[in-house]
N, C-alpha and C. Protein backbone atom coordinates (compact mmCIF):
# COMPACT_ATOMS: atom_id res chain seq x y z
N MET A 1 0.84 -1.22 0.01
CA MET A 1 -0.04 -0.01 -0.04
C MET A 1 0.90 1.30 0.00
N ASN A 2 0.61 2.11 -0.81
CA ASN A 2 1.36 3.37 -0.98
C ASN A 2 1.01 4.43 0.21
N ARG A 3 2.03 4.77 0.93
CA ARG A 3 1.80 5.71 2.02
C ARG A 3 2.91 6.87 1.93
N GLN A 4 3.37 7.09 0.69
CA GLN A 4 4.47 8.07 0.56
C GLN A 4 4.06 9.46 1.06
N ARG A 5 2.89 9.88 0.64
CA ARG A 5 2.38 11.19 1.17
C ARG A 5 2.33 11.29 2.61
N SER A 6 1.79 10.24 3.26
CA SER A 6 1.74 10.33 4.75
C SER A 6 3.19 10.50 5.35
N ALA A 7 4.11 9.68 4.75
CA ALA A 7 5.49 9.86 5.18
C ALA A 7 6.09 11.22 4.97
N GLN A 8 5.74 11.84 3.83
CA GLN A 8 6.22 13.15 3.54
C GLN A 8 5.72 14.13 4.49
N LEU A 9 4.36 13.99 4.88
CA LEU A 9 3.70 14.97 5.68
C LEU A 9 4.34 14.81 7.09
N TYR A 10 4.56 13.54 7.55
CA TYR A 10 5.11 13.34 8.83
C TYR A 10 6.52 13.98 8.95
N SER A 11 7.29 13.90 7.87
CA SER A 11 8.63 14.45 7.84
C SER A 11 8.55 15.98 7.93
N GLU A 12 7.64 16.60 7.22
CA GLU A 12 7.48 17.95 7.17
C GLU A 12 7.00 18.58 8.63
N THR A 13 6.31 17.86 9.35
CA THR A 13 6.01 18.36 10.73
C THR A 13 7.07 18.29 11.71
N GLN A 14 8.15 17.84 11.40
CA GLN A 14 9.32 17.69 12.35
C GLN A 14 9.61 18.98 12.95
N ASN A 15 9.74 20.11 12.23
CA ASN A 15 10.08 21.37 12.89
C ASN A 15 8.80 22.22 13.03
N LEU A 16 7.66 21.67 13.07
CA LEU A 16 6.48 22.36 13.23
C LEU A 16 5.74 21.95 14.52
N ILE A 17 5.59 20.68 14.82
CA ILE A 17 4.86 20.19 15.93
C ILE A 17 5.73 19.40 16.83
N PRO A 18 5.72 19.53 18.16
CA PRO A 18 6.55 18.64 19.08
C PRO A 18 6.15 17.25 18.96
N GLY A 19 7.10 16.37 18.75
CA GLY A 19 6.85 15.00 18.56
C GLY A 19 6.08 14.71 17.26
N ARG A 20 5.90 15.66 16.36
CA ARG A 20 5.38 15.49 15.01
C ARG A 20 3.90 15.22 15.09
N VAL A 21 3.29 14.98 16.19
CA VAL A 21 1.90 14.66 16.27
C VAL A 21 1.21 15.51 17.48
N ASN A 22 -0.11 15.62 17.44
CA ASN A 22 -0.68 16.40 18.49
C ASN A 22 -1.25 15.64 19.64
N SER A 23 -1.01 14.31 19.61
CA SER A 23 -1.56 13.50 20.67
C SER A 23 -0.51 12.25 20.82
N PRO A 24 -0.15 11.88 21.98
CA PRO A 24 0.75 10.72 22.15
C PRO A 24 0.19 9.45 21.63
N ALA A 25 -1.16 9.42 21.48
CA ALA A 25 -1.78 8.23 20.95
C ALA A 25 -1.47 8.05 19.46
N ARG A 26 -0.99 9.10 18.81
CA ARG A 26 -0.73 9.03 17.40
C ARG A 26 0.70 9.06 17.11
N SER A 27 1.54 8.84 18.12
CA SER A 27 3.01 9.03 17.87
C SER A 27 3.52 7.72 17.20
N ARG A 28 4.77 7.80 16.67
CA ARG A 28 5.34 6.76 15.88
C ARG A 28 5.40 5.38 16.69
N GLY A 29 5.84 5.48 17.99
CA GLY A 29 5.89 4.31 18.81
C GLY A 29 4.46 3.73 19.06
N ALA A 30 3.54 4.54 19.24
CA ALA A 30 2.17 4.12 19.61
C ALA A 30 1.60 3.30 18.47
N VAL A 31 1.87 3.74 17.23
CA VAL A 31 1.09 3.16 16.02
C VAL A 31 2.05 2.13 15.32
N GLY A 32 3.33 1.93 15.84
CA GLY A 32 4.20 1.04 15.23
C GLY A 32 4.83 1.46 13.95
N GLY A 33 5.06 2.72 13.68
CA GLY A 33 5.60 3.21 12.48
C GLY A 33 5.11 4.61 12.07
N THR A 34 5.23 5.07 10.86
CA THR A 34 4.95 6.44 10.48
C THR A 34 3.32 6.41 10.60
N PRO A 35 2.78 7.37 11.33
CA PRO A 35 1.35 7.66 11.46
C PRO A 35 0.81 7.87 10.02
N ILE A 36 -0.48 7.40 9.79
CA ILE A 36 -1.15 7.68 8.61
C ILE A 36 -1.80 8.98 8.62
N PHE A 37 -1.69 9.73 7.68
CA PHE A 37 -2.33 11.08 7.68
C PHE A 37 -3.72 10.98 6.85
N PHE A 38 -4.73 11.35 7.42
CA PHE A 38 -6.05 11.28 6.79
C PHE A 38 -6.46 12.49 6.25
N SER A 39 -7.28 12.55 5.17
CA SER A 39 -7.66 13.71 4.43
C SER A 39 -9.20 13.91 4.44
N ARG A 40 -9.98 12.82 4.46
CA ARG A 40 -11.38 13.03 4.54
C ARG A 40 -12.08 11.70 4.96
N GLY A 41 -13.42 11.83 5.32
CA GLY A 41 -14.15 10.70 5.65
C GLY A 41 -15.68 10.91 5.45
N LYS A 42 -16.37 9.79 5.21
CA LYS A 42 -17.62 9.82 4.84
C LYS A 42 -18.32 8.57 5.46
N GLY A 43 -19.31 8.50 6.32
CA GLY A 43 -20.03 7.41 6.99
C GLY A 43 -18.87 6.63 7.64
N SER A 44 -18.67 5.42 7.38
CA SER A 44 -17.75 4.58 7.98
C SER A 44 -16.52 4.46 7.29
N HIS A 45 -16.19 5.23 6.30
CA HIS A 45 -15.01 5.09 5.55
C HIS A 45 -14.17 6.39 5.68
N VAL A 46 -12.92 6.25 5.60
CA VAL A 46 -11.91 7.25 5.62
C VAL A 46 -10.87 7.09 4.45
N TRP A 47 -10.36 8.23 4.05
CA TRP A 47 -9.25 8.18 3.02
C TRP A 47 -8.07 8.83 3.50
N ASP A 48 -6.89 8.32 3.19
CA ASP A 48 -5.54 8.93 3.69
C ASP A 48 -5.14 9.89 2.59
N ALA A 49 -4.02 10.52 3.01
CA ALA A 49 -3.42 11.56 2.13
C ALA A 49 -3.01 10.98 0.73
N ASP A 50 -2.74 9.55 0.68
CA ASP A 50 -2.40 8.94 -0.64
C ASP A 50 -3.53 8.37 -1.35
N GLY A 51 -4.79 8.64 -0.81
CA GLY A 51 -5.95 8.20 -1.58
C GLY A 51 -6.46 6.67 -1.15
N ASN A 52 -5.67 6.03 -0.24
CA ASN A 52 -6.16 4.74 0.22
C ASN A 52 -7.42 4.82 1.07
N GLU A 53 -8.33 3.92 0.88
CA GLU A 53 -9.51 3.81 1.50
C GLU A 53 -9.54 2.81 2.54
N TYR A 54 -10.22 3.11 3.82
CA TYR A 54 -10.20 2.26 5.06
C TYR A 54 -11.67 2.30 5.48
N ILE A 55 -11.94 1.20 6.18
CA ILE A 55 -13.19 1.14 7.13
C ILE A 55 -12.65 1.64 8.42
N ASP A 56 -13.38 2.69 8.94
CA ASP A 56 -13.02 3.31 10.25
C ASP A 56 -13.52 2.58 11.47
N ASN A 57 -12.75 1.85 12.10
CA ASN A 57 -13.29 1.08 13.28
C ASN A 57 -12.84 1.95 14.61
N VAL A 58 -12.20 3.08 14.46
CA VAL A 58 -11.66 3.92 15.60
C VAL A 58 -12.74 5.02 15.89
N CYS A 59 -13.23 5.58 14.85
CA CYS A 59 -14.27 6.64 15.07
C CYS A 59 -13.81 7.84 15.89
N SER A 60 -12.56 8.23 15.79
CA SER A 60 -11.99 9.32 16.53
C SER A 60 -11.94 9.04 17.89
N TRP A 61 -11.64 7.75 18.25
CA TRP A 61 -11.58 7.16 19.65
C TRP A 61 -12.85 7.29 20.41
N GLY A 62 -14.00 7.17 19.52
CA GLY A 62 -15.29 7.19 20.34
C GLY A 62 -16.41 8.18 19.90
N PRO A 63 -16.02 9.41 19.70
CA PRO A 63 -17.12 10.51 19.55
C PRO A 63 -17.86 10.30 18.31
N LEU A 64 -17.37 9.74 17.20
CA LEU A 64 -18.08 9.80 15.96
C LEU A 64 -19.14 8.57 15.76
N ILE A 65 -20.10 8.62 16.66
CA ILE A 65 -21.11 7.55 16.62
C ILE A 65 -21.93 7.67 15.40
N LEU A 66 -22.07 8.79 14.74
CA LEU A 66 -22.83 8.91 13.57
C LEU A 66 -21.98 8.74 12.31
N GLY A 67 -20.67 8.48 12.42
CA GLY A 67 -19.84 8.40 11.21
C GLY A 67 -19.41 9.72 10.84
N HIS A 68 -18.65 9.73 9.72
CA HIS A 68 -17.95 10.94 9.28
C HIS A 68 -18.95 11.72 8.40
N ALA A 69 -18.92 13.01 8.45
CA ALA A 69 -19.65 13.94 7.52
C ALA A 69 -21.08 13.50 7.34
N ASP A 70 -21.77 13.05 8.43
CA ASP A 70 -23.17 12.75 8.34
C ASP A 70 -24.04 13.98 7.89
N ASP A 71 -24.84 13.75 6.96
CA ASP A 71 -25.48 14.89 6.26
C ASP A 71 -26.36 15.73 7.23
N GLY A 72 -26.97 15.10 8.18
CA GLY A 72 -27.77 15.95 9.21
C GLY A 72 -26.85 16.77 10.10
N VAL A 73 -25.75 16.09 10.60
CA VAL A 73 -24.75 16.75 11.40
C VAL A 73 -24.15 17.98 10.68
N VAL A 74 -23.75 17.75 9.35
CA VAL A 74 -23.18 18.83 8.59
C VAL A 74 -24.13 20.01 8.42
N ALA A 75 -25.42 19.71 8.19
CA ALA A 75 -26.47 20.74 8.05
C ALA A 75 -26.53 21.57 9.27
N VAL A 76 -26.71 20.97 10.49
CA VAL A 76 -26.77 21.67 11.66
C VAL A 76 -25.45 22.50 12.10
N VAL A 77 -24.37 21.87 11.88
CA VAL A 77 -23.14 22.55 12.19
C VAL A 77 -22.97 23.74 11.29
N SER A 78 -23.29 23.62 10.04
CA SER A 78 -23.29 24.71 9.00
C SER A 78 -24.03 25.83 9.48
N THR A 79 -25.29 25.62 9.84
CA THR A 79 -26.26 26.57 10.36
C THR A 79 -25.64 27.37 11.69
N ALA A 80 -25.11 26.53 12.58
CA ALA A 80 -24.58 27.06 13.76
C ALA A 80 -23.39 27.90 13.49
N ALA A 81 -22.60 27.51 12.57
CA ALA A 81 -21.28 28.29 12.32
C ALA A 81 -21.70 29.68 11.68
N LYS A 82 -22.77 29.69 10.96
CA LYS A 82 -23.21 30.96 10.34
C LYS A 82 -23.72 31.98 11.48
N ASN A 83 -24.06 31.46 12.56
CA ASN A 83 -24.56 32.24 13.73
C ASN A 83 -23.43 32.60 14.71
N GLY A 84 -22.13 32.07 14.47
CA GLY A 84 -21.14 32.12 15.49
C GLY A 84 -20.92 30.99 16.29
N ILE A 85 -19.66 30.52 16.49
CA ILE A 85 -19.51 29.25 17.13
C ILE A 85 -18.91 29.28 18.54
N SER A 86 -18.46 30.49 19.00
CA SER A 86 -17.90 30.60 20.35
C SER A 86 -18.18 31.99 20.86
N PHE A 87 -18.83 32.06 22.08
CA PHE A 87 -19.11 33.33 22.65
C PHE A 87 -18.43 33.59 24.01
N GLY A 88 -17.97 32.55 24.54
CA GLY A 88 -17.41 32.63 25.94
C GLY A 88 -18.48 32.99 26.93
N ALA A 89 -19.80 32.67 26.63
CA ALA A 89 -20.89 32.88 27.46
C ALA A 89 -21.92 31.80 27.25
N PRO A 90 -23.00 31.66 28.07
CA PRO A 90 -23.91 30.68 28.04
C PRO A 90 -24.83 30.86 26.66
N THR A 91 -25.35 29.75 26.06
CA THR A 91 -26.19 29.75 25.03
C THR A 91 -27.50 29.06 25.34
N GLU A 92 -28.46 29.31 24.61
CA GLU A 92 -29.69 28.54 24.68
C GLU A 92 -29.59 26.95 24.29
N ALA A 93 -28.68 26.89 23.28
CA ALA A 93 -28.27 25.43 22.77
C ALA A 93 -27.70 24.53 23.77
N GLU A 94 -26.90 25.19 24.72
CA GLU A 94 -26.40 24.30 25.75
C GLU A 94 -27.46 23.71 26.68
N SER A 95 -28.42 24.50 27.01
CA SER A 95 -29.59 24.03 27.88
C SER A 95 -30.27 22.96 27.08
N GLN A 96 -30.68 23.12 25.76
CA GLN A 96 -31.43 22.34 25.08
C GLN A 96 -30.68 20.99 24.92
N MET A 97 -29.37 21.06 24.75
CA MET A 97 -28.53 19.76 24.57
C MET A 97 -28.50 19.03 25.91
N ALA A 98 -28.31 19.76 26.90
CA ALA A 98 -28.34 19.11 28.33
C ALA A 98 -29.61 18.33 28.59
N SER A 99 -30.69 19.03 28.16
CA SER A 99 -32.07 18.51 28.37
C SER A 99 -32.19 17.04 27.70
N LEU A 100 -31.70 17.06 26.28
CA LEU A 100 -31.75 15.91 25.56
C LEU A 100 -30.99 14.73 26.12
N VAL A 101 -29.77 15.09 26.64
CA VAL A 101 -28.91 14.11 27.25
C VAL A 101 -29.62 13.44 28.54
N ILE A 102 -30.17 14.32 29.36
CA ILE A 102 -30.85 13.82 30.52
C ILE A 102 -32.07 12.98 30.11
N GLN A 103 -32.80 13.48 29.19
CA GLN A 103 -33.95 12.56 28.76
C GLN A 103 -33.54 11.26 28.46
N ALA A 104 -32.46 11.17 27.55
CA ALA A 104 -32.07 9.90 27.01
C ALA A 104 -31.43 8.89 28.06
N HIS A 105 -30.94 9.55 29.30
CA HIS A 105 -30.27 8.80 30.21
C HIS A 105 -30.87 9.13 31.61
N PRO A 106 -31.95 8.31 32.04
CA PRO A 106 -32.54 8.58 33.39
C PRO A 106 -31.81 8.73 34.48
N SER A 107 -30.54 8.01 34.43
CA SER A 107 -29.78 7.99 35.64
C SER A 107 -28.84 9.31 35.79
N VAL A 108 -29.01 10.18 34.72
CA VAL A 108 -28.20 11.45 34.78
C VAL A 108 -29.16 12.55 35.22
N SER A 109 -28.80 13.24 36.22
CA SER A 109 -29.52 14.39 36.57
C SER A 109 -29.02 15.87 36.20
N LEU A 110 -27.68 15.81 36.06
CA LEU A 110 -27.08 17.08 35.73
C LEU A 110 -26.03 16.83 34.64
N VAL A 111 -25.61 17.76 33.84
CA VAL A 111 -24.68 17.61 32.70
C VAL A 111 -23.78 18.71 32.68
N ARG A 112 -22.41 18.38 32.40
CA ARG A 112 -21.49 19.55 32.11
C ARG A 112 -20.83 19.16 30.79
N PHE A 113 -20.76 20.07 29.92
CA PHE A 113 -20.13 19.73 28.65
C PHE A 113 -18.66 20.26 28.63
N VAL A 114 -17.74 19.47 28.10
CA VAL A 114 -16.42 19.79 27.96
C VAL A 114 -15.90 19.60 26.62
N ARG A 115 -14.71 19.83 26.14
CA ARG A 115 -14.29 19.81 24.79
C ARG A 115 -13.50 18.63 24.48
N SER A 116 -13.09 17.79 25.55
CA SER A 116 -12.17 16.72 25.20
C SER A 116 -12.30 15.56 26.37
N GLY A 117 -11.77 14.37 26.09
CA GLY A 117 -11.84 13.36 27.01
C GLY A 117 -11.00 13.66 28.15
N THR A 118 -9.85 14.43 27.94
CA THR A 118 -8.94 14.77 28.96
C THR A 118 -9.64 15.65 29.99
N GLU A 119 -10.35 16.69 29.51
CA GLU A 119 -11.10 17.51 30.40
C GLU A 119 -12.12 16.85 31.19
N ALA A 120 -12.80 15.92 30.57
CA ALA A 120 -13.92 15.14 31.10
C ALA A 120 -13.39 14.29 32.34
N ALA A 121 -12.19 13.60 32.00
CA ALA A 121 -11.49 12.79 33.15
C ALA A 121 -11.02 13.76 34.20
N MET A 122 -10.39 14.89 33.96
CA MET A 122 -9.85 15.74 34.91
C MET A 122 -11.14 16.26 35.80
N SER A 123 -12.14 16.59 35.21
CA SER A 123 -13.37 17.08 35.95
C SER A 123 -13.90 15.99 36.86
N ALA A 124 -13.97 14.69 36.38
CA ALA A 124 -14.53 13.57 37.07
C ALA A 124 -13.58 13.32 38.35
N LEU A 125 -12.27 13.39 38.21
CA LEU A 125 -11.40 13.18 39.22
C LEU A 125 -11.52 14.35 40.28
N ARG A 126 -11.60 15.50 39.82
CA ARG A 126 -11.81 16.66 40.82
C ARG A 126 -12.97 16.46 41.66
N LEU A 127 -14.02 16.12 40.88
CA LEU A 127 -15.42 15.90 41.48
C LEU A 127 -15.36 14.81 42.56
N ALA A 128 -14.75 13.74 42.25
CA ALA A 128 -14.66 12.61 43.05
C ALA A 128 -13.80 12.97 44.43
N ARG A 129 -12.74 13.70 44.12
CA ARG A 129 -11.83 14.00 45.23
C ARG A 129 -12.61 15.03 46.16
N ALA A 130 -13.30 16.01 45.54
CA ALA A 130 -14.02 16.94 46.34
C ALA A 130 -15.12 16.35 47.25
N TYR A 131 -15.91 15.42 46.55
CA TYR A 131 -17.05 14.79 47.21
C TYR A 131 -16.50 13.79 48.24
N ALA A 132 -15.54 13.02 48.08
CA ALA A 132 -14.99 12.02 49.02
C ALA A 132 -14.08 12.78 49.98
N GLY A 133 -13.56 13.88 49.80
CA GLY A 133 -12.63 14.45 50.69
C GLY A 133 -11.39 13.60 50.78
N ARG A 134 -10.95 12.89 49.65
CA ARG A 134 -9.79 12.11 49.55
C ARG A 134 -9.03 12.37 48.40
N ASP A 135 -7.71 12.14 48.52
CA ASP A 135 -6.79 12.55 47.44
C ASP A 135 -6.29 11.49 46.29
N LYS A 136 -6.38 10.13 46.77
CA LYS A 136 -5.85 9.09 45.89
C LYS A 136 -6.86 8.64 44.88
N ILE A 137 -6.33 8.15 43.81
CA ILE A 137 -7.15 7.47 42.83
C ILE A 137 -6.54 6.19 42.30
N ILE A 138 -7.36 5.27 41.82
CA ILE A 138 -6.78 4.06 41.27
C ILE A 138 -7.10 4.11 39.76
N LYS A 139 -6.04 3.77 38.95
CA LYS A 139 -6.37 3.56 37.49
C LYS A 139 -5.67 2.24 37.15
N PHE A 140 -6.00 1.73 36.02
CA PHE A 140 -5.45 0.48 35.53
C PHE A 140 -4.27 0.61 34.65
N GLN A 141 -3.28 -0.27 34.81
CA GLN A 141 -2.10 -0.19 34.04
C GLN A 141 -2.43 -0.42 32.51
N GLY A 142 -1.95 0.54 31.79
CA GLY A 142 -2.22 0.48 30.34
C GLY A 142 -3.47 1.24 29.92
N GLY A 143 -4.29 1.69 30.89
CA GLY A 143 -5.54 2.47 30.56
C GLY A 143 -5.11 3.91 30.11
N TYR A 144 -5.80 4.46 29.08
CA TYR A 144 -5.46 5.85 28.73
C TYR A 144 -6.77 6.65 28.89
N HIS A 145 -6.64 7.77 29.68
CA HIS A 145 -7.71 8.66 29.93
C HIS A 145 -7.46 10.06 29.64
N GLY A 146 -6.48 10.23 28.70
CA GLY A 146 -6.15 11.60 28.31
C GLY A 146 -4.81 12.01 28.90
N HIS A 147 -4.45 13.28 28.63
CA HIS A 147 -3.02 13.62 29.15
C HIS A 147 -3.04 14.60 30.33
N ALA A 148 -3.94 14.45 31.23
CA ALA A 148 -3.87 15.11 32.51
C ALA A 148 -2.72 14.43 33.34
N ASP A 149 -2.02 15.26 34.11
CA ASP A 149 -0.92 14.81 34.86
C ASP A 149 -1.19 13.62 35.66
N ALA A 150 -2.30 13.68 36.42
CA ALA A 150 -2.69 12.55 37.36
C ALA A 150 -2.94 11.25 36.56
N LEU A 151 -3.03 11.20 35.43
CA LEU A 151 -3.38 10.06 34.69
C LEU A 151 -2.23 9.62 33.81
N LEU A 152 -1.12 10.39 33.69
CA LEU A 152 0.02 9.99 32.91
C LEU A 152 0.95 9.36 33.87
N VAL A 153 0.59 8.29 34.55
CA VAL A 153 1.31 7.63 35.54
C VAL A 153 1.26 6.10 35.29
N ALA A 154 2.41 5.53 35.46
CA ALA A 154 2.48 4.07 35.15
C ALA A 154 2.80 3.31 36.46
N ALA A 155 2.67 1.98 36.47
CA ALA A 155 3.10 1.23 37.63
C ALA A 155 4.52 1.31 37.81
N GLY A 156 4.94 1.35 39.12
CA GLY A 156 6.15 1.28 39.59
C GLY A 156 6.66 -0.08 39.90
N SER A 157 7.18 -0.39 41.01
CA SER A 157 7.52 -1.61 41.53
C SER A 157 6.23 -2.63 41.54
N VAL A 158 6.44 -3.82 41.12
CA VAL A 158 5.31 -4.75 41.14
C VAL A 158 5.00 -5.07 42.56
N ALA A 159 5.87 -4.89 43.50
CA ALA A 159 5.51 -5.18 44.81
C ALA A 159 4.62 -4.18 45.54
N THR A 160 4.74 -2.84 45.03
CA THR A 160 4.15 -1.82 45.70
C THR A 160 2.87 -1.26 44.79
N SER A 161 3.10 -1.34 43.42
CA SER A 161 2.08 -0.83 42.44
C SER A 161 1.75 0.62 42.70
N HIS A 162 2.65 1.36 43.33
CA HIS A 162 2.57 2.78 43.53
C HIS A 162 2.85 3.47 42.11
N GLY A 163 2.25 4.53 41.81
CA GLY A 163 2.51 5.20 40.52
C GLY A 163 3.76 5.92 40.49
N VAL A 164 4.32 5.87 39.24
CA VAL A 164 5.45 6.68 38.97
C VAL A 164 5.18 7.41 37.70
N PRO A 165 5.84 8.60 37.56
CA PRO A 165 5.66 9.40 36.34
C PRO A 165 5.88 8.69 35.10
N ASP A 166 4.97 8.78 34.14
CA ASP A 166 5.02 8.01 32.89
C ASP A 166 5.63 8.95 31.73
N THR A 167 5.90 10.28 32.08
CA THR A 167 6.37 11.23 31.17
C THR A 167 7.06 12.21 31.91
N ALA A 168 8.00 12.99 31.22
CA ALA A 168 8.61 14.19 31.86
C ALA A 168 7.65 15.18 32.21
N GLY A 169 7.86 15.98 33.24
CA GLY A 169 6.94 17.01 33.73
C GLY A 169 5.86 16.62 34.68
N VAL A 170 5.67 15.39 34.84
CA VAL A 170 4.76 14.84 35.96
C VAL A 170 5.54 14.69 37.14
N THR A 171 5.15 15.36 38.32
CA THR A 171 5.85 15.46 39.58
C THR A 171 5.62 14.19 40.29
N GLU A 172 6.65 13.77 40.98
CA GLU A 172 6.63 12.57 41.84
C GLU A 172 5.56 12.65 42.89
N PRO A 173 5.38 13.73 43.64
CA PRO A 173 4.26 13.86 44.63
C PRO A 173 2.94 13.64 43.95
N LEU A 174 2.75 14.18 42.82
CA LEU A 174 1.40 13.99 42.20
C LEU A 174 1.28 12.53 41.80
N ALA A 175 2.29 11.86 41.17
CA ALA A 175 2.25 10.60 40.76
C ALA A 175 1.86 9.59 42.05
N GLN A 176 2.30 10.08 43.15
CA GLN A 176 2.09 9.14 44.38
C GLN A 176 0.62 9.00 44.84
N ASP A 177 -0.14 9.94 44.26
CA ASP A 177 -1.64 9.96 44.60
C ASP A 177 -2.31 9.06 43.58
N THR A 178 -1.67 8.53 42.54
CA THR A 178 -2.27 7.66 41.57
C THR A 178 -1.78 6.23 41.82
N LEU A 179 -2.62 5.34 42.14
CA LEU A 179 -2.26 3.95 42.50
C LEU A 179 -2.65 3.11 41.14
N ILE A 180 -1.88 2.06 40.91
CA ILE A 180 -2.00 1.39 39.61
C ILE A 180 -2.51 -0.01 39.94
N ALA A 181 -3.57 -0.58 39.35
CA ALA A 181 -4.02 -1.81 39.50
C ALA A 181 -4.09 -2.58 38.11
N GLN A 182 -4.05 -3.87 38.10
CA GLN A 182 -4.12 -4.75 36.95
C GLN A 182 -5.70 -4.90 36.58
N PHE A 183 -6.08 -4.67 35.31
CA PHE A 183 -7.41 -4.72 34.94
C PHE A 183 -7.89 -6.10 35.01
N ASN A 184 -9.17 -6.35 35.60
CA ASN A 184 -9.72 -7.63 35.78
C ASN A 184 -9.13 -8.59 36.81
N GLU A 185 -8.33 -7.91 37.72
CA GLU A 185 -7.67 -8.56 38.83
C GLU A 185 -8.09 -7.93 39.99
N ILE A 186 -9.16 -8.43 40.70
CA ILE A 186 -9.79 -7.89 41.95
C ILE A 186 -8.66 -7.65 43.09
N GLY A 187 -7.86 -8.59 43.18
CA GLY A 187 -6.83 -8.57 44.16
C GLY A 187 -5.81 -7.39 44.04
N SER A 188 -5.60 -6.93 42.84
CA SER A 188 -4.81 -5.79 42.71
C SER A 188 -5.38 -4.45 43.04
N ILE A 189 -6.76 -4.48 43.23
CA ILE A 189 -7.50 -3.35 43.71
C ILE A 189 -7.57 -3.47 45.19
N SER A 190 -7.91 -4.65 45.58
CA SER A 190 -8.13 -4.77 47.06
C SER A 190 -6.82 -4.41 47.90
N ILE A 191 -5.71 -4.76 47.37
CA ILE A 191 -4.58 -4.38 48.15
C ILE A 191 -4.45 -2.88 48.42
N HIS A 192 -4.84 -2.03 47.39
CA HIS A 192 -4.80 -0.64 47.58
C HIS A 192 -5.77 -0.15 48.70
N PHE A 193 -7.07 -0.71 48.63
CA PHE A 193 -8.03 -0.36 49.65
C PHE A 193 -7.65 -0.84 50.99
N ASP A 194 -6.89 -1.95 51.14
CA ASP A 194 -6.35 -2.48 52.43
C ASP A 194 -5.30 -1.50 52.88
N GLU A 195 -4.50 -0.97 52.07
CA GLU A 195 -3.34 -0.06 52.45
C GLU A 195 -3.95 1.32 52.79
N TYR A 196 -4.74 1.84 51.94
CA TYR A 196 -5.31 3.28 52.17
C TYR A 196 -6.89 3.29 52.22
N PRO A 197 -7.40 2.62 53.35
CA PRO A 197 -8.81 2.59 53.37
C PRO A 197 -9.59 3.89 53.44
N ASP A 198 -8.95 4.89 53.91
CA ASP A 198 -9.62 6.19 54.03
C ASP A 198 -9.12 7.31 53.07
N SER A 199 -8.33 6.82 52.06
CA SER A 199 -7.65 7.84 51.19
C SER A 199 -8.02 7.80 49.83
N ILE A 200 -8.73 6.77 49.34
CA ILE A 200 -9.04 6.58 47.85
C ILE A 200 -10.33 7.22 47.53
N ALA A 201 -10.34 8.21 46.57
CA ALA A 201 -11.47 8.94 46.13
C ALA A 201 -12.29 8.13 45.10
N CYS A 202 -11.63 7.47 44.13
CA CYS A 202 -12.40 6.73 43.15
C CYS A 202 -11.48 5.80 42.30
N VAL A 203 -12.13 5.01 41.47
CA VAL A 203 -11.45 4.12 40.47
C VAL A 203 -11.85 4.48 39.20
N ILE A 204 -10.88 4.90 38.33
CA ILE A 204 -11.21 5.17 36.88
C ILE A 204 -10.94 3.94 35.92
N VAL A 205 -12.04 3.67 35.14
CA VAL A 205 -11.88 2.54 34.30
C VAL A 205 -11.81 3.07 32.86
């Protein structure tokens, strides 16, 4: 499969974007080679910069539940864009959207909108810590929840499973409040609750 244009674009970003990509999930190491640069999508299909066609099973890591360039979504977004897309102030559309979400999910009583999964995870952790009055969280080894500092933490010693910074810039004290467990191994969670019975605010999955 020809991917020369993707390789060229990747090379051209070297002096423009740190790490050549805007998310660690798209880095060379994460994808096992040069990332594919995409140019367009329609429905369940996407096309790369070289014209190769793919079935998209990633869906922008979750949000594209209606597929790419859905005609209804394009029409509504186009109308909204003509009226202005950002005011830094509340809009009627926010309340309308919140009402629709609550109607569709009876267990939800309040909604707050954010622009990324990272912000959603950060807000959830802050809320859990504030409600519980506790500082520590548990995440699972290998789980990705965005690039908030508290979540860029990996397992340290197997004996302790205390978190250690997974990237430069994450401080050791902050990492110590993130405990690491192994997914689907209840014992690896229980050990943390045994050690910190009154300090764990939440488990993020």
